[in-house]
Amino acid sequence: MSTEYENGDQITLQAMSHLYNMQILIVSYSNAGGDDLNAGGDDLIADVDDLNAGSDDLNVGGDDLNADGDDMNAGGDDLNVGGDDLNAGGGDLSASGDDLNADGDDMNASGYDLSAGVDDLNADGDDLNAGDLESYNTSDISRLREKVRFKRDRKHVHRNRHVNLPREILSILVDIVLKLSLCQDTP
């Protein structure tokens, strides 16, 4: 026996006659919309925040609710664009797979970590110096080198070779970066 409902769903029922009374067993459930419950046939979207069927994940094509196969997770720590982590709770802000950086080096303002992949802050593999700045004023760089040399200690070096730097060193670095950007803008 089969029953048709107003929304287009159909439930097929089968009677199990060998029991005392008639017991109804749901054999199959079909939907007029196809595999998924929507007009497009791919995603289940009902303009609500959470859509959940007895588990934590709603999956389309093996990925969490996403665009282009990357995870977009409001309940967890990762907001992912292009496969990299954008994480407010975990401290990572990333583009192209690296922490906030240029050319694959890590720069983390909230943790006071600054790393160029090696121990020394440099430009194109050379030590940052007056020749790179096109200036004879080396007081900022000298202060920076003294503080980094003083603070560089193995107990402060993390697995990614980050060195903990206090706020005063970060302010010196900001000054140097500003000077470098001004030198590059002038012909």
C-alpha atoms as a PDB file:
ATOM      1  CA  MET A   1       0.000   0.000   0.000  1.00  0.00           C
ATOM      2  CA  SER A   2       1.284   3.496  -0.781  1.00  0.00           C
ATOM      3  CA  THR A   3       0.300   6.938   0.473  1.00  0.00           C
ATOM      4  CA  GLU A   4       0.943  10.242  -1.338  1.00  0.00           C
ATOM      5  CA  TYR A   5       1.360  13.440   0.738  1.00  0.00           C
ATOM      6  CA  GLU A   6       0.763  17.060  -0.231  1.00  0.00           C
ATOM      7  CA  ASN A   7       4.448  18.071  -0.393  1.00  0.00           C
ATOM      8  CA  GLY A   8       5.332  15.400  -2.949  1.00  0.00           C
ATOM      9  CA  ASP A   9       6.965  12.954  -0.494  1.00  0.00           C
ATOM     10  CA  GLN A  10       5.875   9.348  -0.811  1.00  0.00           C
ATOM     11  CA  ILE A  11       6.104   6.708   1.893  1.00  0.00           C
ATOM     12  CA  THR A  12       5.716   3.055   0.908  1.00  0.00           C
ATOM     13  CA  LEU A  13       4.226   0.834   3.626  1.00  0.00           C
ATOM     14  CA  GLN A  14       4.291  -2.928   3.868  1.00  0.00           C
ATOM     15  CA  ALA A  15       2.129  -4.997   6.205  1.00  0.00           C
ATOM     16  CA  MET A  16       3.716  -7.797   8.156  1.00  0.00           C
ATOM     17  CA  SER A  17       0.768 -10.216   8.312  1.00  0.00           C
ATOM     18  CA  HIS A  18       2.496 -13.001  10.168  1.00  0.00           C
ATOM     19  CA  LEU A  19       2.303 -11.078  13.485  1.00  0.00           C
ATOM     20  CA  TYR A  20      -0.775 -10.973  15.750  1.00  0.00           C
ATOM     21  CA  ASN A  21      -2.195  -7.720  14.516  1.00  0.00           C
ATOM     22  CA  MET A  22      -1.101  -5.641  11.567  1.00  0.00           C
ATOM     23  CA  GLN A  23       2.241  -3.969  12.171  1.00  0.00           C
ATOM     24  CA  ILE A  24       3.447  -1.313   9.721  1.00  0.00           C
ATOM     25  CA  LEU A  25       7.048  -1.225   8.542  1.00  0.00           C
ATOM     26  CA  ILE A  26       8.429   1.736   6.571  1.00  0.00           C
ATOM     27  CA  VAL A  27      10.248   0.208   3.652  1.00  0.00           C
ATOM     28  CA  SER A  28      11.287   3.186   1.564  1.00  0.00           C
ATOM     29  CA  TYR A  29      11.137   6.971   1.494  1.00  0.00           C
ATOM     30  CA  SER A  30      11.393   8.910  -1.713  1.00  0.00           C
ATOM     31  CA  ASN A  31      11.531  12.619  -2.408  1.00  0.00           C
ATOM     32  CA  ALA A  32      10.395  14.400  -5.549  1.00  0.00           C
ATOM     33  CA  GLY A  33      13.461  16.705  -5.342  1.00  0.00           C
ATOM     34  CA  GLY A  34      16.098  14.039  -6.094  1.00  0.00           C
ATOM     35  CA  ASP A  35      19.062  13.124  -3.846  1.00  0.00           C
ATOM     36  CA  ASP A  36      19.034  16.235  -1.683  1.00  0.00           C
ATOM     37  CA  LEU A  37      16.176  18.285  -0.335  1.00  0.00           C
ATOM     38  CA  ASN A  38      16.351  21.437  -2.463  1.00  0.00           C
ATOM     39  CA  ALA A  39      15.542  22.820  -5.862  1.00  0.00           C
ATOM     40  CA  GLY A  40      19.143  22.624  -7.102  1.00  0.00           C
ATOM     41  CA  GLY A  41      19.644  18.971  -6.212  1.00  0.00           C
ATOM     42  CA  ASP A  42      23.031  19.445  -4.487  1.00  0.00           C
ATOM     43  CA  ASP A  43      22.824  21.264  -1.173  1.00  0.00           C
ATOM     44  CA  LEU A  44      20.373  21.176   1.715  1.00  0.00           C
ATOM     45  CA  ILE A  45      19.705  24.836   2.506  1.00  0.00           C
ATOM     46  CA  ALA A  46      16.850  26.093   4.672  1.00  0.00           C
ATOM     47  CA  ASP A  47      18.044  29.593   5.637  1.00  0.00           C
ATOM     48  CA  VAL A  48      18.843  28.547   9.204  1.00  0.00           C
ATOM     49  CA  ASP A  49      22.069  28.566  11.160  1.00  0.00           C
ATOM     50  CA  ASP A  50      22.479  24.851  11.869  1.00  0.00           C
ATOM     51  CA  LEU A  51      21.205  21.882   9.889  1.00  0.00           C
ATOM     52  CA  ASN A  52      21.978  18.636  11.592  1.00  0.00           C
ATOM     53  CA  ALA A  53      20.664  15.057  11.437  1.00  0.00           C
ATOM     54  CA  GLY A  54      21.899  13.325  14.565  1.00  0.00           C
ATOM     55  CA  SER A  55      25.563  14.113  13.951  1.00  0.00           C
ATOM     56  CA  ASP A  56      27.870  17.105  13.951  1.00  0.00           C
ATOM     57  CA  ASP A  57      28.658  17.462  10.266  1.00  0.00           C
ATOM     58  CA  LEU A  58      26.573  18.285   7.203  1.00  0.00           C
ATOM     59  CA  ASN A  59      28.612  17.071   4.285  1.00  0.00           C
ATOM     60  CA  VAL A  60      28.433  17.753   0.558  1.00  0.00           C
ATOM     61  CA  GLY A  61      30.998  15.926  -1.561  1.00  0.00           C
ATOM     62  CA  GLY A  62      33.031  14.814   1.460  1.00  0.00           C
ATOM     63  CA  ASP A  63      33.873  18.294   2.731  1.00  0.00           C
ATOM     64  CA  ASP A  64      32.320  20.348   5.515  1.00  0.00           C
ATOM     65  CA  LEU A  65      29.878  23.015   4.317  1.00  0.00           C
ATOM     66  CA  ASN A  66      32.275  24.833   2.031  1.00  0.00           C
ATOM     67  CA  ALA A  67      33.204  26.575  -1.151  1.00  0.00           C
ATOM     68  CA  ASP A  68      35.731  24.875  -3.466  1.00  0.00           C
ATOM     69  CA  GLY A  69      36.393  21.970  -1.101  1.00  0.00           C
ATOM     70  CA  ASP A  70      37.805  23.918   1.843  1.00  0.00           C
ATOM     71  CA  ASP A  71      36.392  23.969   5.352  1.00  0.00           C
ATOM     72  CA  MET A  72      34.247  26.870   6.507  1.00  0.00           C
ATOM     73  CA  ASN A  73      33.489  26.247  10.149  1.00  0.00           C
ATOM     74  CA  ALA A  74      31.689  28.761  12.335  1.00  0.00           C
ATOM     75  CA  GLY A  75      31.560  26.485  15.386  1.00  0.00           C
ATOM     76  CA  GLY A  76      35.276  25.698  15.447  1.00  0.00           C
ATOM     77  CA  ASP A  77      38.500  27.619  15.089  1.00  0.00           C
ATOM     78  CA  ASP A  78      39.149  27.454  11.349  1.00  0.00           C
ATOM     79  CA  LEU A  79      37.761  29.771   8.689  1.00  0.00           C
ATOM     80  CA  ASN A  80      39.487  28.527   5.614  1.00  0.00           C
ATOM     81  CA  VAL A  81      40.072  30.252   2.277  1.00  0.00           C
ATOM     82  CA  GLY A  82      42.154  28.424  -0.328  1.00  0.00           C
ATOM     83  CA  GLY A  83      43.170  25.721   2.148  1.00  0.00           C
ATOM     84  CA  ASP A  84      44.908  28.029   4.625  1.00  0.00           C
ATOM     85  CA  ASP A  85      43.837  28.844   8.174  1.00  0.00           C
ATOM     86  CA  LEU A  86      42.246  32.161   9.125  1.00  0.00           C
ATOM     87  CA  ASN A  87      41.859  31.733  12.845  1.00  0.00           C
ATOM     88  CA  ALA A  88      40.863  34.375  15.363  1.00  0.00           C
ATOM     89  CA  GLY A  89      40.958  32.055  18.380  1.00  0.00           C
ATOM     90  CA  GLY A  90      44.162  30.238  17.535  1.00  0.00           C
ATOM     91  CA  GLY A  91      46.402  33.149  16.605  1.00  0.00           C
ATOM     92  CA  ASP A  92      47.040  32.333  12.927  1.00  0.00           C
ATOM     93  CA  LEU A  93      46.183  34.773  10.146  1.00  0.00           C
ATOM     94  CA  SER A  94      47.371  33.196   6.951  1.00  0.00           C
ATOM     95  CA  ALA A  95      47.664  33.781   3.230  1.00  0.00           C
ATOM     96  CA  SER A  96      49.284  31.229   0.882  1.00  0.00           C
ATOM     97  CA  GLY A  97      49.839  28.724   3.665  1.00  0.00           C
ATOM     98  CA  ASP A  98      52.069  30.892   5.831  1.00  0.00           C
ATOM     99  CA  ASP A  99      51.365  32.922   8.924  1.00  0.00           C
ATOM    100  CA  LEU A 100      50.908  36.638   8.130  1.00  0.00           C
ATOM    101  CA  ASN A 101      54.059  37.142   6.112  1.00  0.00           C
ATOM    102  CA  ALA A 102      55.903  37.944   2.960  1.00  0.00           C
ATOM    103  CA  ASP A 103      57.625  35.148   1.015  1.00  0.00           C
ATOM    104  CA  GLY A 104      56.842  32.338   3.436  1.00  0.00           C
ATOM    105  CA  ASP A 105      58.073  33.854   6.677  1.00  0.00           C
ATOM    106  CA  ASP A 106      56.069  34.037   9.882  1.00  0.00           C
ATOM    107  CA  MET A 107      54.956  37.257  11.572  1.00  0.00           C
ATOM    108  CA  ASN A 108      52.638  36.942  14.543  1.00  0.00           C
ATOM    109  CA  ALA A 109      51.669  40.186  16.284  1.00  0.00           C
ATOM    110  CA  SER A 110      49.542  38.679  19.058  1.00  0.00           C
ATOM    111  CA  GLY A 111      52.298  36.310  20.171  1.00  0.00           C
ATOM    112  CA  TYR A 112      55.144  38.796  19.662  1.00  0.00           C
ATOM    113  CA  ASP A 113      56.842  36.365  17.288  1.00  0.00           C
ATOM    114  CA  LEU A 114      58.754  37.602  14.268  1.00  0.00           C
ATOM    115  CA  SER A 115      60.723  35.210  12.147  1.00  0.00           C
ATOM    116  CA  ALA A 116      62.255  35.282   8.691  1.00  0.00           C
ATOM    117  CA  GLY A 117      62.856  31.559   8.500  1.00  0.00           C
ATOM    118  CA  VAL A 118      66.332  32.054   9.975  1.00  0.00           C
ATOM    119  CA  ASP A 119      67.614  33.770  13.095  1.00  0.00           C
ATOM    120  CA  ASP A 120      68.409  37.170  11.582  1.00  0.00           C
ATOM    121  CA  LEU A 121      65.966  39.735  10.261  1.00  0.00           C
ATOM    122  CA  ASN A 122      67.126  40.363   6.728  1.00  0.00           C
ATOM    123  CA  ALA A 123      66.304  41.659   3.297  1.00  0.00           C
ATOM    124  CA  ASP A 124      67.023  39.312   0.360  1.00  0.00           C
ATOM    125  CA  GLY A 125      69.317  37.140   2.481  1.00  0.00           C
ATOM    126  CA  ASP A 126      71.522  39.974   3.734  1.00  0.00           C
ATOM    127  CA  ASP A 127      71.551  41.528   7.171  1.00  0.00           C
ATOM    128  CA  LEU A 128      69.360  44.591   7.457  1.00  0.00           C
ATOM    129  CA  ASN A 129      71.790  47.492   7.508  1.00  0.00           C
ATOM    130  CA  ALA A 130      72.300  51.084   6.465  1.00  0.00           C
ATOM    131  CA  GLY A 131      73.166  50.049   2.911  1.00  0.00           C
ATOM    132  CA  ASP A 132      69.763  48.395   2.553  1.00  0.00           C
ATOM    133  CA  LEU A 133      68.072  51.493   3.928  1.00  0.00           C
ATOM    134  CA  GLU A 134      70.166  53.871   1.796  1.00  0.00           C
ATOM    135  CA  SER A 135      70.737  55.894   4.941  1.00  0.00           C
ATOM    136  CA  TYR A 136      73.594  56.529   7.344  1.00  0.00           C
ATOM    137  CA  ASN A 137      71.334  56.475  10.413  1.00  0.00           C
ATOM    138  CA  THR A 138      71.835  53.045  11.992  1.00  0.00           C
ATOM    139  CA  SER A 139      70.633  53.765  15.533  1.00  0.00           C
ATOM    140  CA  ASP A 140      67.349  51.851  15.120  1.00  0.00           C
ATOM    141  CA  ILE A 141      69.123  48.865  13.612  1.00  0.00           C
ATOM    142  CA  SER A 142      71.806  48.861  16.293  1.00  0.00           C
ATOM    143  CA  ARG A 143      69.170  48.947  19.028  1.00  0.00           C
ATOM    144  CA  LEU A 144      67.281  46.142  17.322  1.00  0.00           C
ATOM    145  CA  ARG A 145      70.369  43.940  16.993  1.00  0.00           C
ATOM    146  CA  GLU A 146      71.276  44.482  20.666  1.00  0.00           C
ATOM    147  CA  LYS A 147      67.768  43.604  21.862  1.00  0.00           C
ATOM    148  CA  VAL A 148      67.429  40.562  19.589  1.00  0.00           C
ATOM    149  CA  ARG A 149      70.880  39.316  20.603  1.00  0.00           C
ATOM    150  CA  PHE A 150      69.937  39.806  24.268  1.00  0.00           C
ATOM    151  CA  LYS A 151      66.547  38.107  23.914  1.00  0.00           C
ATOM    152  CA  ARG A 152      67.686  35.215  21.678  1.00  0.00           C
ATOM    153  CA  ASP A 153      67.866  32.301  24.046  1.00  0.00           C
ATOM    154  CA  ARG A 154      67.183  28.633  23.326  1.00  0.00           C
ATOM    155  CA  LYS A 155      64.476  28.367  25.981  1.00  0.00           C
ATOM    156  CA  HIS A 156      62.495  31.033  24.080  1.00  0.00           C
ATOM    157  CA  VAL A 157      62.934  29.473  20.637  1.00  0.00           C
ATOM    158  CA  HIS A 158      59.848  27.557  19.513  1.00  0.00           C
ATOM    159  CA  ARG A 159      59.706  24.638  17.125  1.00  0.00           C
ATOM    160  CA  ASN A 160      59.260  27.050  14.176  1.00  0.00           C
ATOM    161  CA  ARG A 161      62.339  29.012  15.221  1.00  0.00           C
ATOM    162  CA  HIS A 162      60.264  31.922  16.482  1.00  0.00           C
ATOM    163  CA  VAL A 163      61.946  34.177  19.007  1.00  0.00           C
ATOM    164  CA  ASN A 164      59.816  35.883  21.653  1.00  0.00           C
ATOM    165  CA  LEU A 165      60.179  39.620  21.226  1.00  0.00           C
ATOM    166  CA  PRO A 166      58.864  42.302  23.581  1.00  0.00           C
ATOM    167  CA  ARG A 167      56.722  45.224  22.411  1.00  0.00           C
ATOM    168  CA  GLU A 168      59.695  47.618  22.250  1.00  0.00           C
ATOM    169  CA  ILE A 169      61.393  45.463  19.599  1.00  0.00           C
ATOM    170  CA  LEU A 170      58.175  45.343  17.602  1.00  0.00           C
ATOM    171  CA  SER A 171      58.000  49.145  17.655  1.00  0.00           C
ATOM    172  CA  ILE A 172      61.592  49.329  16.360  1.00  0.00           C
ATOM    173  CA  LEU A 173      60.688  46.869  13.594  1.00  0.00           C
ATOM    174  CA  VAL A 174      57.702  48.968  12.586  1.00  0.00           C
ATOM    175  CA  ASP A 175      59.998  52.009  12.314  1.00  0.00           C
ATOM    176  CA  ILE A 176      62.428  50.062  10.117  1.00  0.00           C
ATOM    177  CA  VAL A 177      59.676  48.738   7.852  1.00  0.00           C
ATOM    178  CA  LEU A 178      58.294  52.251   7.427  1.00  0.00           C
ATOM    179  CA  LYS A 179      61.758  53.548   6.522  1.00  0.00           C
ATOM    180  CA  LEU A 180      62.204  50.732   4.011  1.00  0.00           C
ATOM    181  CA  SER A 181      58.865  51.480   2.384  1.00  0.00           C
ATOM    182  CA  LEU A 182      59.762  55.175   2.121  1.00  0.00           C
ATOM    183  CA  CYS A 183      63.129  54.304   0.539  1.00  0.00           C
ATOM    184  CA  GLN A 184      61.440  52.085  -2.054  1.00  0.00           C
ATOM    185  CA  ASP A 185      58.901  54.783  -2.975  1.00  0.00           C
ATOM    186  CA  THR A 186      61.581  57.369  -3.793  1.00  0.00           C
ATOM    187  CA  PRO A 187      63.275  57.036  -7.228  1.00  0.00           C
END
